[in-house]
Amino acid sequence: MELGGQGRNGMAENALRQMIGNGKPKLGHLVAEFATPGIGHILKSAGCDFVFFDMEHSGFSTETLKSAIRFFEAAELPAMVRVPSHDTHFIARAMDMGVEGLIVPMVGNVEQVRKIVSAMKYHPAGARGVALQIAHDRYRPGTVAEKFAAANNRTAFIALIETAEGVENIDAIATTEGVDCLWVGHFDLSVSLGIPGEFANPVFTAAMDKVVAASKRHGKSLGRLVGSVQQGIDVHAEGFDFICYQGDVWLLHEALADAVGKIRAGVK
């Protein structure tokens, strides 16, 4: 196998990096509950381009992540993974399990970005602890130089902007070496701005406009979660290219509640 090239199933091992920055809409889904063996194939069959795998709010362990990444690889579905915090041990273990896209919450300044990039990248781009021929390189042998280069080329950092500080420093964050994509955490951002859930508030819309403008100015991909089809269409028009439609728990609940309600009403 050529390092950094094609895997045994023909899937480009840096598939997510190839998506970043190309401007085309990429559609995905958030997984926070159902890390089942079939989940990757289900999402791929449904037309998803990527999966947002959430460790921050799910309780998923590193062992669960390790299995889930193999499910996504089997389905040829690139995975972004949100770790619970900035702690190096979360970042390092996620990278060793084979994460392509690392999402880190509450990114507020350049110093934080540099520490995150250092933890996720091998020398000379960072100071990531070395472990080779394990999950992240699909257990293949190879030289150290090749392994370092392939891993650094394959992995992408998605900065989660969800604080007033992050918005204030958005241009500096976007231009820091190692940042590949900006992602807006709209709920936490509204809380940080002092207007929880008030997404039509001018304070919130101004903050969103600032992030969108920075992404365009610096040529960065931009992502967010959306709750409806129309919202997905609308945010793409604003400049978002990574659009994550719903999460597994909410989508199942919404669809099931709708169907059960309609059946119940029809059998009275």
C-alpha atoms as a PDB file:
ATOM      1  CA  MET A   1       0.000   0.000   0.000  1.00  0.00           C
ATOM      2  CA  GLU A   2       1.275   3.470  -0.806  1.00  0.00           C
ATOM      3  CA  LEU A   3       1.280   5.602   2.313  1.00  0.00           C
ATOM      4  CA  GLY A   4      -1.139   8.521   2.100  1.00  0.00           C
ATOM      5  CA  GLY A   5      -2.702   7.013  -1.010  1.00  0.00           C
ATOM      6  CA  GLN A   6      -5.404   4.402  -1.439  1.00  0.00           C
ATOM      7  CA  GLY A   7      -6.466   1.854   1.149  1.00  0.00           C
ATOM      8  CA  ARG A   8      -7.240  -1.752   0.329  1.00  0.00           C
ATOM      9  CA  ASN A   9     -10.858  -0.862  -0.473  1.00  0.00           C
ATOM     10  CA  GLY A  10      -9.853   1.968  -2.812  1.00  0.00           C
ATOM     11  CA  MET A  11     -10.807   4.687  -0.338  1.00  0.00           C
ATOM     12  CA  ALA A  12      -8.470   7.645  -0.301  1.00  0.00           C
ATOM     13  CA  GLU A  13      -6.951   7.715   3.167  1.00  0.00           C
ATOM     14  CA  ASN A  14      -6.977  11.512   3.170  1.00  0.00           C
ATOM     15  CA  ALA A  15     -10.540  11.717   1.827  1.00  0.00           C
ATOM     16  CA  LEU A  16     -11.615  14.330   4.352  1.00  0.00           C
ATOM     17  CA  ARG A  17      -8.658  16.582   3.566  1.00  0.00           C
ATOM     18  CA  GLN A  18      -9.618  16.371  -0.102  1.00  0.00           C
ATOM     19  CA  MET A  19     -13.089  17.685   0.766  1.00  0.00           C
ATOM     20  CA  ILE A  20     -11.807  20.635   2.769  1.00  0.00           C
ATOM     21  CA  GLY A  21     -11.508  23.885   0.884  1.00  0.00           C
ATOM     22  CA  ASN A  22     -13.062  22.738  -2.379  1.00  0.00           C
ATOM     23  CA  GLY A  23     -16.214  24.848  -1.859  1.00  0.00           C
ATOM     24  CA  LYS A  24     -18.624  22.061  -2.760  1.00  0.00           C
ATOM     25  CA  PRO A  25     -21.406  21.208  -0.285  1.00  0.00           C
ATOM     26  CA  LYS A  26     -20.578  18.252   1.940  1.00  0.00           C
ATOM     27  CA  LEU A  27     -23.481  16.706   3.835  1.00  0.00           C
ATOM     28  CA  GLY A  28     -23.203  14.689   7.008  1.00  0.00           C
ATOM     29  CA  HIS A  29     -24.890  13.495  10.174  1.00  0.00           C
ATOM     30  CA  LEU A  30     -24.016  13.613  13.881  1.00  0.00           C
ATOM     31  CA  VAL A  31     -23.694  10.349  15.806  1.00  0.00           C
ATOM     32  CA  ALA A  32     -23.956  10.605  19.585  1.00  0.00           C
ATOM     33  CA  GLU A  33     -25.870   7.432  20.523  1.00  0.00           C
ATOM     34  CA  PHE A  34     -25.865   4.662  17.932  1.00  0.00           C
ATOM     35  CA  ALA A  35     -22.269   3.535  17.401  1.00  0.00           C
ATOM     36  CA  THR A  36     -23.433   0.214  15.953  1.00  0.00           C
ATOM     37  CA  PRO A  37     -21.504  -1.939  13.446  1.00  0.00           C
ATOM     38  CA  GLY A  38     -23.844  -0.913  10.641  1.00  0.00           C
ATOM     39  CA  ILE A  39     -23.912   2.828  11.279  1.00  0.00           C
ATOM     40  CA  GLY A  40     -21.260   3.706   8.711  1.00  0.00           C
ATOM     41  CA  HIS A  41     -22.955   1.751   5.939  1.00  0.00           C
ATOM     42  CA  ILE A  42     -26.361   3.208   6.862  1.00  0.00           C
ATOM     43  CA  LEU A  43     -25.079   6.788   6.619  1.00  0.00           C
ATOM     44  CA  LYS A  44     -23.151   6.067   3.420  1.00  0.00           C
ATOM     45  CA  SER A  45     -26.213   4.459   1.835  1.00  0.00           C
ATOM     46  CA  ALA A  46     -28.288   7.487   2.851  1.00  0.00           C
ATOM     47  CA  GLY A  47     -25.928   9.716   0.875  1.00  0.00           C
ATOM     48  CA  CYS A  48     -23.761  11.207   3.621  1.00  0.00           C
ATOM     49  CA  ASP A  49     -20.326  12.525   2.689  1.00  0.00           C
ATOM     50  CA  PHE A  50     -19.010  12.496   6.257  1.00  0.00           C
ATOM     51  CA  VAL A  51     -19.965  11.679   9.842  1.00  0.00           C
ATOM     52  CA  PHE A  52     -19.615  13.917  12.896  1.00  0.00           C
ATOM     53  CA  PHE A  53     -18.874  11.516  15.762  1.00  0.00           C
ATOM     54  CA  ASP A  54     -19.433  13.205  19.126  1.00  0.00           C
ATOM     55  CA  MET A  55     -17.465  12.182  22.203  1.00  0.00           C
ATOM     56  CA  GLU A  56     -18.157  15.413  24.096  1.00  0.00           C
ATOM     57  CA  HIS A  57     -21.844  14.883  24.860  1.00  0.00           C
ATOM     58  CA  SER A  58     -22.283  11.155  24.236  1.00  0.00           C
ATOM     59  CA  GLY A  59     -20.202   9.365  26.840  1.00  0.00           C
ATOM     60  CA  PHE A  60     -18.497   7.336  24.087  1.00  0.00           C
ATOM     61  CA  SER A  61     -15.222   5.863  25.305  1.00  0.00           C
ATOM     62  CA  THR A  62     -11.966   5.590  23.397  1.00  0.00           C
ATOM     63  CA  GLU A  63     -12.658   1.885  22.923  1.00  0.00           C
ATOM     64  CA  THR A  64     -16.022   2.737  21.325  1.00  0.00           C
ATOM     65  CA  LEU A  65     -14.294   5.287  19.096  1.00  0.00           C
ATOM     66  CA  LYS A  66     -11.735   2.701  18.002  1.00  0.00           C
ATOM     67  CA  SER A  67     -14.502   0.338  16.860  1.00  0.00           C
ATOM     68  CA  ALA A  68     -16.603   3.090  15.274  1.00  0.00           C
ATOM     69  CA  ILE A  69     -13.694   4.335  13.172  1.00  0.00           C
ATOM     70  CA  ARG A  70     -13.313   0.823  11.739  1.00  0.00           C
ATOM     71  CA  PHE A  71     -17.053   0.814  10.889  1.00  0.00           C
ATOM     72  CA  PHE A  72     -16.682   4.133   9.075  1.00  0.00           C
ATOM     73  CA  GLU A  73     -13.573   2.951   7.244  1.00  0.00           C
ATOM     74  CA  ALA A  74     -15.416  -0.155   6.073  1.00  0.00           C
ATOM     75  CA  ALA A  75     -18.183   2.054   4.677  1.00  0.00           C
ATOM     76  CA  GLU A  76     -15.631   4.469   3.124  1.00  0.00           C
ATOM     77  CA  LEU A  77     -17.150   7.335   5.109  1.00  0.00           C
ATOM     78  CA  PRO A  78     -14.734  10.016   6.361  1.00  0.00           C
ATOM     79  CA  ALA A  79     -15.124  10.780  10.063  1.00  0.00           C
ATOM     80  CA  MET A  80     -14.814  13.968  12.062  1.00  0.00           C
ATOM     81  CA  VAL A  81     -14.556  13.334  15.796  1.00  0.00           C
ATOM     82  CA  ARG A  82     -15.295  15.843  18.536  1.00  0.00           C
ATOM     83  CA  VAL A  83     -13.202  15.084  21.599  1.00  0.00           C
ATOM     84  CA  PRO A  84     -14.433  16.168  25.049  1.00  0.00           C
ATOM     85  CA  SER A  85     -11.806  18.835  25.746  1.00  0.00           C
ATOM     86  CA  HIS A  86      -8.432  20.360  24.881  1.00  0.00           C
ATOM     87  CA  ASP A  87      -6.588  17.848  27.065  1.00  0.00           C
ATOM     88  CA  THR A  88      -3.691  16.258  25.215  1.00  0.00           C
ATOM     89  CA  HIS A  89      -4.601  12.738  26.300  1.00  0.00           C
ATOM     90  CA  PHE A  90      -8.000  13.013  24.595  1.00  0.00           C
ATOM     91  CA  ILE A  91      -6.475  14.416  21.411  1.00  0.00           C
ATOM     92  CA  ALA A  92      -3.557  11.980  21.281  1.00  0.00           C
ATOM     93  CA  ARG A  93      -5.702   8.885  21.854  1.00  0.00           C
ATOM     94  CA  ALA A  94      -8.247   9.992  19.252  1.00  0.00           C
ATOM     95  CA  MET A  95      -5.492  10.486  16.689  1.00  0.00           C
ATOM     96  CA  ASP A  96      -3.989   7.083  17.487  1.00  0.00           C
ATOM     97  CA  MET A  97      -7.392   5.472  16.939  1.00  0.00           C
ATOM     98  CA  GLY A  98      -7.399   6.796  13.359  1.00  0.00           C
ATOM     99  CA  VAL A  99      -9.399  10.015  13.426  1.00  0.00           C
ATOM    100  CA  GLU A 100      -9.218  11.945  10.147  1.00  0.00           C
ATOM    101  CA  GLY A 101     -10.865  15.165  11.270  1.00  0.00           C
ATOM    102  CA  LEU A 102     -10.310  16.363  14.836  1.00  0.00           C
ATOM    103  CA  ILE A 103     -12.937  18.716  16.273  1.00  0.00           C
ATOM    104  CA  VAL A 104     -12.014  20.430  19.522  1.00  0.00           C
ATOM    105  CA  PRO A 105     -14.645  22.398  21.488  1.00  0.00           C
ATOM    106  CA  MET A 106     -14.440  25.980  22.745  1.00  0.00           C
ATOM    107  CA  VAL A 107     -11.525  27.172  20.597  1.00  0.00           C
ATOM    108  CA  GLY A 108     -10.995  30.782  21.604  1.00  0.00           C
ATOM    109  CA  ASN A 109      -7.482  31.925  20.769  1.00  0.00           C
ATOM    110  CA  VAL A 110      -4.278  31.254  18.873  1.00  0.00           C
ATOM    111  CA  GLU A 111      -2.417  29.814  21.848  1.00  0.00           C
ATOM    112  CA  GLN A 112      -5.056  27.098  22.200  1.00  0.00           C
ATOM    113  CA  VAL A 113      -4.887  26.342  18.477  1.00  0.00           C
ATOM    114  CA  ARG A 114      -1.118  25.909  18.566  1.00  0.00           C
ATOM    115  CA  LYS A 115      -1.311  23.504  21.517  1.00  0.00           C
ATOM    116  CA  ILE A 116      -3.998  21.445  19.778  1.00  0.00           C
ATOM    117  CA  VAL A 117      -2.074  21.273  16.503  1.00  0.00           C
ATOM    118  CA  SER A 118       1.091  20.288  18.367  1.00  0.00           C
ATOM    119  CA  ALA A 119      -0.761  17.446  20.092  1.00  0.00           C
ATOM    120  CA  MET A 120      -2.285  16.077  16.887  1.00  0.00           C
ATOM    121  CA  LYS A 121       0.618  16.430  14.431  1.00  0.00           C
ATOM    122  CA  TYR A 122       3.904  14.570  14.204  1.00  0.00           C
ATOM    123  CA  HIS A 123       7.313  16.252  13.875  1.00  0.00           C
ATOM    124  CA  PRO A 124       8.057  18.741  12.374  1.00  0.00           C
ATOM    125  CA  ALA A 125       4.485  20.152  12.468  1.00  0.00           C
ATOM    126  CA  GLY A 126       3.911  19.155  16.090  1.00  0.00           C
ATOM    127  CA  ALA A 127       5.031  17.101  19.054  1.00  0.00           C
ATOM    128  CA  ARG A 128       2.574  14.198  18.918  1.00  0.00           C
ATOM    129  CA  GLY A 129       3.748  11.120  20.789  1.00  0.00           C
ATOM    130  CA  VAL A 130       4.938   8.434  18.392  1.00  0.00           C
ATOM    131  CA  ALA A 131       3.088   5.135  17.980  1.00  0.00           C
ATOM    132  CA  LEU A 132       3.340   3.465  14.583  1.00  0.00           C
ATOM    133  CA  GLN A 133       1.797   0.410  12.901  1.00  0.00           C
ATOM    134  CA  ILE A 134      -1.344   0.688  15.035  1.00  0.00           C
ATOM    135  CA  ALA A 135      -4.920   1.767  14.308  1.00  0.00           C
ATOM    136  CA  HIS A 136      -4.189   5.210  12.836  1.00  0.00           C
ATOM    137  CA  ASP A 137      -1.982   3.840  10.031  1.00  0.00           C
ATOM    138  CA  ARG A 138      -4.100   0.714   9.587  1.00  0.00           C
ATOM    139  CA  TYR A 139      -1.415  -1.464  11.156  1.00  0.00           C
ATOM    140  CA  ARG A 140       0.855  -1.175   8.082  1.00  0.00           C
ATOM    141  CA  PRO A 141       4.651  -1.081   8.309  1.00  0.00           C
ATOM    142  CA  GLY A 142       6.723   1.734   6.840  1.00  0.00           C
ATOM    143  CA  THR A 143       9.547   4.126   7.525  1.00  0.00           C
ATOM    144  CA  VAL A 144       9.256   6.770  10.214  1.00  0.00           C
ATOM    145  CA  ALA A 145       9.610   9.622   7.720  1.00  0.00           C
ATOM    146  CA  GLU A 146       6.873   8.208   5.502  1.00  0.00           C
ATOM    147  CA  LYS A 147       4.584   7.566   8.448  1.00  0.00           C
ATOM    148  CA  PHE A 148       4.974  11.077   9.847  1.00  0.00           C
ATOM    149  CA  ALA A 149       4.345  12.716   6.479  1.00  0.00           C
ATOM    150  CA  ALA A 150       1.317  10.530   5.701  1.00  0.00           C
ATOM    151  CA  ALA A 151      -0.282  11.088   9.113  1.00  0.00           C
ATOM    152  CA  ASN A 152       0.210  14.864   8.990  1.00  0.00           C
ATOM    153  CA  ASN A 153      -1.164  15.040   5.455  1.00  0.00           C
ATOM    154  CA  ARG A 154      -4.172  12.874   6.312  1.00  0.00           C
ATOM    155  CA  THR A 155      -5.376  14.603   9.471  1.00  0.00           C
ATOM    156  CA  ALA A 156      -7.401  17.821   9.575  1.00  0.00           C
ATOM    157  CA  PHE A 157      -8.140  20.199  12.432  1.00  0.00           C
ATOM    158  CA  ILE A 158     -11.653  21.631  12.674  1.00  0.00           C
ATOM    159  CA  ALA A 159     -11.774  24.539  15.133  1.00  0.00           C
ATOM    160  CA  LEU A 160     -15.100  24.715  16.942  1.00  0.00           C
ATOM    161  CA  ILE A 161     -15.996  28.375  17.348  1.00  0.00           C
ATOM    162  CA  GLU A 162     -18.612  28.609  20.079  1.00  0.00           C
ATOM    163  CA  THR A 163     -17.540  31.440  22.372  1.00  0.00           C
ATOM    164  CA  ALA A 164     -17.465  35.214  22.173  1.00  0.00           C
ATOM    165  CA  GLU A 165     -13.677  34.977  22.518  1.00  0.00           C
ATOM    166  CA  GLY A 166     -13.482  32.696  19.486  1.00  0.00           C
ATOM    167  CA  VAL A 167     -15.493  35.150  17.396  1.00  0.00           C
ATOM    168  CA  GLU A 168     -13.352  38.075  18.565  1.00  0.00           C
ATOM    169  CA  ASN A 169     -10.179  36.210  17.544  1.00  0.00           C
ATOM    170  CA  ILE A 170     -11.592  34.573  14.427  1.00  0.00           C
ATOM    171  CA  ASP A 171      -9.158  36.103  11.935  1.00  0.00           C
ATOM    172  CA  ALA A 172      -6.133  35.143  14.014  1.00  0.00           C
ATOM    173  CA  ILE A 173      -7.496  31.612  14.499  1.00  0.00           C
ATOM    174  CA  ALA A 174      -8.291  31.172  10.810  1.00  0.00           C
ATOM    175  CA  THR A 175      -4.771  32.162   9.767  1.00  0.00           C
ATOM    176  CA  THR A 176      -2.939  29.995  12.313  1.00  0.00           C
ATOM    177  CA  GLU A 177      -0.959  27.145  10.797  1.00  0.00           C
ATOM    178  CA  GLY A 178      -2.837  23.847  11.060  1.00  0.00           C
ATOM    179  CA  VAL A 179      -6.407  25.136  11.028  1.00  0.00           C
ATOM    180  CA  ASP A 180      -8.270  23.512   8.125  1.00  0.00           C
ATOM    181  CA  CYS A 181     -11.902  24.297   8.866  1.00  0.00           C
ATOM    182  CA  LEU A 182     -13.993  26.533  11.120  1.00  0.00           C
ATOM    183  CA  TRP A 183     -17.119  25.062  12.700  1.00  0.00           C
ATOM    184  CA  VAL A 184     -19.779  27.104  14.477  1.00  0.00           C
ATOM    185  CA  GLY A 185     -21.313  25.712  17.661  1.00  0.00           C
ATOM    186  CA  HIS A 186     -24.438  27.828  17.519  1.00  0.00           C
ATOM    187  CA  PHE A 187     -26.049  26.914  20.849  1.00  0.00           C
ATOM    188  CA  ASP A 188     -22.952  27.423  22.970  1.00  0.00           C
ATOM    189  CA  LEU A 189     -22.132  30.571  21.034  1.00  0.00           C
ATOM    190  CA  SER A 190     -25.530  32.046  21.836  1.00  0.00           C
ATOM    191  CA  VAL A 191     -24.971  31.246  25.526  1.00  0.00           C
ATOM    192  CA  SER A 192     -21.509  32.790  25.479  1.00  0.00           C
ATOM    193  CA  LEU A 193     -22.992  35.927  23.927  1.00  0.00           C
ATOM    194  CA  GLY A 194     -25.550  36.101  26.752  1.00  0.00           C
ATOM    195  CA  ILE A 195     -28.568  35.342  24.546  1.00  0.00           C
ATOM    196  CA  PRO A 196     -29.230  31.586  24.947  1.00  0.00           C
ATOM    197  CA  GLY A 197     -31.137  30.203  21.969  1.00  0.00           C
ATOM    198  CA  GLU A 198     -31.854  33.638  20.479  1.00  0.00           C
ATOM    199  CA  PHE A 199     -30.570  32.886  17.008  1.00  0.00           C
ATOM    200  CA  ALA A 200     -32.419  35.799  15.395  1.00  0.00           C
ATOM    201  CA  ASN A 201     -30.921  38.281  17.860  1.00  0.00           C
ATOM    202  CA  PRO A 202     -28.743  40.884  16.058  1.00  0.00           C
ATOM    203  CA  VAL A 203     -25.890  40.114  18.457  1.00  0.00           C
ATOM    204  CA  PHE A 204     -25.900  36.483  17.349  1.00  0.00           C
ATOM    205  CA  THR A 205     -26.321  37.204  13.642  1.00  0.00           C
ATOM    206  CA  ALA A 206     -23.479  39.742  13.767  1.00  0.00           C
ATOM    207  CA  ALA A 207     -21.210  37.127  15.345  1.00  0.00           C
ATOM    208  CA  MET A 208     -22.166  34.593  12.673  1.00  0.00           C
ATOM    209  CA  ASP A 209     -21.517  37.140   9.945  1.00  0.00           C
ATOM    210  CA  LYS A 210     -18.046  37.748  11.351  1.00  0.00           C
ATOM    211  CA  VAL A 211     -17.177  34.044  11.279  1.00  0.00           C
ATOM    212  CA  VAL A 212     -18.560  33.592   7.760  1.00  0.00           C
ATOM    213  CA  ALA A 213     -16.626  36.621   6.522  1.00  0.00           C
ATOM    214  CA  ALA A 214     -13.390  35.324   8.052  1.00  0.00           C
ATOM    215  CA  SER A 215     -13.832  31.908   6.446  1.00  0.00           C
ATOM    216  CA  LYS A 216     -14.248  33.523   3.036  1.00  0.00           C
ATOM    217  CA  ARG A 217     -11.434  35.999   3.558  1.00  0.00           C
ATOM    218  CA  HIS A 218      -8.950  33.298   4.495  1.00  0.00           C
ATOM    219  CA  GLY A 219     -10.245  30.495   2.273  1.00  0.00           C
ATOM    220  CA  LYS A 220     -11.303  28.166   5.072  1.00  0.00           C
ATOM    221  CA  SER A 221     -14.061  25.594   4.962  1.00  0.00           C
ATOM    222  CA  LEU A 222     -16.993  26.338   7.239  1.00  0.00           C
ATOM    223  CA  GLY A 223     -19.354  23.932   8.971  1.00  0.00           C
ATOM    224  CA  ARG A 224     -22.310  23.745  11.333  1.00  0.00           C
ATOM    225  CA  LEU A 225     -25.181  21.559  12.478  1.00  0.00           C
ATOM    226  CA  VAL A 226     -28.633  22.237  11.004  1.00  0.00           C
ATOM    227  CA  GLY A 227     -32.040  21.097  12.181  1.00  0.00           C
ATOM    228  CA  SER A 228     -34.000  21.162   8.950  1.00  0.00           C
ATOM    229  CA  VAL A 229     -33.651  20.768   5.201  1.00  0.00           C
ATOM    230  CA  GLN A 230     -34.436  24.428   4.591  1.00  0.00           C
ATOM    231  CA  GLN A 231     -31.864  25.552   7.134  1.00  0.00           C
ATOM    232  CA  GLY A 232     -29.266  23.427   5.379  1.00  0.00           C
ATOM    233  CA  ILE A 233     -30.071  25.100   2.073  1.00  0.00           C
ATOM    234  CA  ASP A 234     -30.032  28.544   3.674  1.00  0.00           C
ATOM    235  CA  VAL A 235     -26.683  28.169   5.446  1.00  0.00           C
ATOM    236  CA  HIS A 236     -25.045  26.873   2.278  1.00  0.00           C
ATOM    237  CA  ALA A 237     -26.135  30.079   0.560  1.00  0.00           C
ATOM    238  CA  GLU A 238     -24.426  31.982   3.383  1.00  0.00           C
ATOM    239  CA  GLY A 239     -21.128  30.198   2.816  1.00  0.00           C
ATOM    240  CA  PHE A 240     -21.208  26.961   4.822  1.00  0.00           C
ATOM    241  CA  ASP A 241     -19.854  23.979   2.874  1.00  0.00           C
ATOM    242  CA  PHE A 242     -19.887  21.313   5.625  1.00  0.00           C
ATOM    243  CA  ILE A 243     -23.541  20.872   6.565  1.00  0.00           C
ATOM    244  CA  CYS A 244     -24.344  18.372   9.305  1.00  0.00           C
ATOM    245  CA  TYR A 245     -28.013  17.470   9.230  1.00  0.00           C
ATOM    246  CA  GLN A 246     -29.455  16.568  12.640  1.00  0.00           C
ATOM    247  CA  GLY A 247     -28.170  14.015  15.134  1.00  0.00           C
ATOM    248  CA  ASP A 248     -29.097  10.361  15.449  1.00  0.00           C
ATOM    249  CA  VAL A 249     -31.130  10.697  18.667  1.00  0.00           C
ATOM    250  CA  TRP A 250     -33.155  13.714  17.510  1.00  0.00           C
ATOM    251  CA  LEU A 251     -33.794  12.359  14.026  1.00  0.00           C
ATOM    252  CA  LEU A 252     -35.043   9.004  15.308  1.00  0.00           C
ATOM    253  CA  HIS A 253     -37.229  10.684  17.925  1.00  0.00           C
ATOM    254  CA  GLU A 254     -38.669  13.159  15.426  1.00  0.00           C
ATOM    255  CA  ALA A 255     -39.452  10.541  12.776  1.00  0.00           C
ATOM    256  CA  LEU A 256     -40.833   8.024  15.250  1.00  0.00           C
ATOM    257  CA  ALA A 257     -42.971  10.554  17.118  1.00  0.00           C
ATOM    258  CA  ASP A 258     -44.424  11.778  13.829  1.00  0.00           C
ATOM    259  CA  ALA A 259     -45.279   8.281  12.589  1.00  0.00           C
ATOM    260  CA  VAL A 260     -46.616   7.006  15.914  1.00  0.00           C
ATOM    261  CA  GLY A 261     -48.749  10.105  16.323  1.00  0.00           C
ATOM    262  CA  LYS A 262     -50.229   9.745  12.857  1.00  0.00           C
ATOM    263  CA  ILE A 263     -50.958   6.032  13.282  1.00  0.00           C
ATOM    264  CA  ARG A 264     -52.504   6.654  16.695  1.00  0.00           C
ATOM    265  CA  ALA A 265     -54.732   9.394  15.239  1.00  0.00           C
ATOM    266  CA  GLY A 266     -55.730   7.134  12.358  1.00  0.00           C
ATOM    267  CA  VAL A 267     -56.774   4.144  14.441  1.00  0.00           C
ATOM    268  CA  LYS A 268     -59.031   5.950  16.893  1.00  0.00           C
END
